[in-house]
Each structure stands twice: as structure tokens, then as C-alpha cells.
Amino acid sequence: MKVHHRRLRCNVPHCSVIIYNIEIDTHIAQSHGPYECAFGQCQNAGASSFTEDGLIRHLKHNHNMSPGALTNTIANMRMDGTTTAKSEHFPNNGRVRRWEDCTKCAPQQGGLNA
């Protein structure tokens, strides 16, 4: 009983789901995918394995991206044929590129990175 019904936290970075041991494989298959974030401290956090929707939620909530910047970032990733969000995908519109660092990876910093 303890082996099959022990509750675990998903060990994928940025995932805070707590599930039963026997459900971990199903959770990873259904909730994680090929998308990664390499903005700020996220590039040092390890593979997050986001789904596309999960990456969008992550960029919106943890990097505080505006809807327009988010749409352009995803479009630029698609044009590059990559599943990793990097600073070069963030739209700069002739200005210095800026985004907020991840609230999960660098909560002590909370500032902007270029």
C-alpha cells in the first residue's frame, strides 16, 4: 500500500503537482512536452518539459509577458523551428529586449533582465 499510494511532487522543474506514485508516468505523459524556457534563470533550472499551453502559461504568469509579446515570442519560435523560448524570440520592436525573470527560478531577484 505504501509503495503504490505514496504521494510525490513531480520532479520536473516548474511543476508543483503532487500525485500518487502510480500516477507519475501518466502525469508526465499528459502534462509535459517538448517546450522549454531559457529566459533568465530558467536556462539554469533544468528541463521543464512544458506543453505549448504550459509554456504560454509559464511566460505569462512567471515572466509577466504581455499578451502581444507572448504571441510574438511564440510566433518567432515557430519561425525558427524551435521549442525553446530564448531572448532572441522576445520581440524588441527597436527597443532593448526586456522581460521579468522567472518568479519560480529567481524569487529573490524579481527584477528585469535584458
Protein backbone atom coordinates (compact mmCIF):
# COMPACT_ATOMS: atom_id res chain seq x y z
CA MET A 1 0.00 0.00 0.00
CA LYS A 2 2.73 2.50 0.90
CA VAL A 3 4.63 1.93 -2.37
CA HIS A 4 1.61 2.30 -4.65
CA HIS A 5 -0.20 5.05 -2.77
CA ARG A 6 2.66 7.29 -1.65
CA ARG A 7 2.17 10.90 -2.77
CA LEU A 8 5.05 12.57 -4.61
CA ARG A 9 5.78 16.00 -6.01
CA CYS A 10 6.54 15.92 -9.74
CA ASN A 11 10.30 16.35 -10.08
CA VAL A 12 10.12 18.31 -13.34
CA PRO A 13 11.25 21.94 -12.77
CA HIS A 14 8.38 24.46 -12.58
CA CYS A 15 5.84 21.71 -11.87
CA SER A 16 4.24 21.75 -8.44
CA VAL A 17 1.80 18.86 -8.89
CA ILE A 18 1.58 16.35 -6.04
CA ILE A 19 0.23 12.98 -7.15
CA TYR A 20 0.26 9.34 -6.19
CA ASN A 21 3.36 7.35 -7.08
CA ILE A 22 1.47 5.12 -9.52
CA GLU A 23 0.21 8.17 -11.47
CA ILE A 24 3.59 9.83 -12.14
CA ASP A 25 4.14 8.29 -15.60
CA THR A 26 0.64 9.24 -16.74
CA HIS A 27 1.07 12.78 -15.39
CA ILE A 28 4.37 13.28 -17.25
CA ALA A 29 2.95 11.88 -20.49
CA GLN A 30 -0.15 14.11 -20.32
CA SER A 31 1.21 17.29 -18.73
CA HIS A 32 4.74 17.71 -20.03
CA GLY A 33 6.03 18.10 -23.57
CA PRO A 34 8.94 19.31 -25.70
CA TYR A 35 8.79 23.05 -24.88
CA GLU A 36 11.44 24.78 -22.74
CA CYS A 37 12.07 28.24 -21.36
CA ALA A 38 15.58 29.74 -21.50
CA PHE A 39 14.74 33.27 -20.30
CA GLY A 40 16.84 34.49 -17.38
CA GLN A 41 17.33 31.97 -14.59
CA CYS A 42 15.11 29.40 -16.33
CA GLN A 43 18.03 28.41 -18.56
CA ASN A 44 19.78 27.07 -15.44
CA ALA A 45 16.75 25.35 -13.90
CA GLY A 46 16.82 22.12 -15.88
CA ALA A 47 14.38 20.77 -18.44
CA SER A 48 10.81 21.80 -17.66
CA SER A 49 9.23 19.85 -20.49
CA PHE A 50 6.24 22.16 -20.96
CA THR A 51 3.38 21.54 -23.36
CA GLU A 52 2.86 24.54 -25.65
CA ASP A 53 -0.04 25.72 -23.47
CA GLY A 54 2.11 25.17 -20.38
CA LEU A 55 4.91 27.30 -21.84
CA ILE A 56 2.43 30.06 -22.65
CA ARG A 57 1.08 29.98 -19.07
CA HIS A 58 4.64 29.97 -17.71
CA LEU A 59 5.69 33.01 -19.80
CA LYS A 60 2.51 34.88 -18.89
CA HIS A 61 2.47 34.18 -15.17
CA ASN A 62 6.14 33.67 -14.24
CA HIS A 63 7.78 36.15 -16.65
CA ASN A 64 4.84 38.59 -16.71
CA MET A 65 4.75 38.77 -20.52
CA SER A 66 2.06 40.86 -22.10
CA PRO A 67 -0.36 39.12 -24.50
CA GLY A 68 1.24 40.84 -27.51
CA ALA A 69 4.80 39.93 -26.52
CA LEU A 70 3.66 36.38 -25.79
CA THR A 71 2.04 35.99 -29.22
CA ASN A 72 5.14 37.36 -30.95
CA THR A 73 7.51 35.20 -28.90
CA ILE A 74 5.63 32.00 -29.82
CA ALA A 75 5.43 33.11 -33.49
CA ASN A 76 9.19 33.79 -33.56
CA MET A 77 9.86 30.36 -32.04
CA ARG A 78 7.75 28.74 -34.75
CA MET A 79 9.60 30.65 -37.47
CA ASP A 80 12.91 29.39 -36.04
CA GLY A 81 11.53 25.85 -35.79
CA THR A 82 12.45 25.56 -32.11
CA THR A 83 10.62 24.55 -28.96
CA THR A 84 12.88 26.55 -26.62
CA ALA A 85 11.91 30.14 -25.79
CA LYS A 86 15.07 32.30 -25.83
CA SER A 87 15.78 36.01 -25.56
CA GLU A 88 16.09 36.32 -29.35
CA HIS A 89 12.43 35.23 -29.68
CA PHE A 90 11.22 38.04 -27.43
CA PRO A 91 10.05 40.94 -29.63
CA ASN A 92 12.18 44.05 -29.19
CA ASN A 93 10.38 46.38 -31.62
CA GLY A 94 13.52 48.51 -31.88
CA ARG A 95 13.86 48.78 -28.09
CA VAL A 96 16.04 46.98 -25.60
CA ARG A 97 14.71 43.48 -25.03
CA ARG A 98 13.33 43.07 -21.52
CA TRP A 99 11.30 40.53 -19.63
CA GLU A 100 10.83 39.78 -15.97
CA ASP A 101 12.90 36.94 -14.60
CA CYS A 102 11.02 33.81 -13.57
CA THR A 103 9.23 34.16 -10.25
CA LYS A 104 9.90 30.48 -9.50
CA CYS A 105 13.58 30.39 -10.50
CA ALA A 106 14.69 33.74 -9.09
CA PRO A 107 12.13 34.87 -6.50
CA GLN A 108 14.81 36.76 -4.58
CA GLN A 109 15.71 38.87 -7.63
CA GLY A 110 12.28 39.76 -9.01
CA GLY A 111 13.82 42.35 -11.34
CA LEU A 112 14.12 42.78 -15.06
CA ASN A 113 16.76 41.17 -17.24
CA ALA A 114 17.98 42.27 -20.64
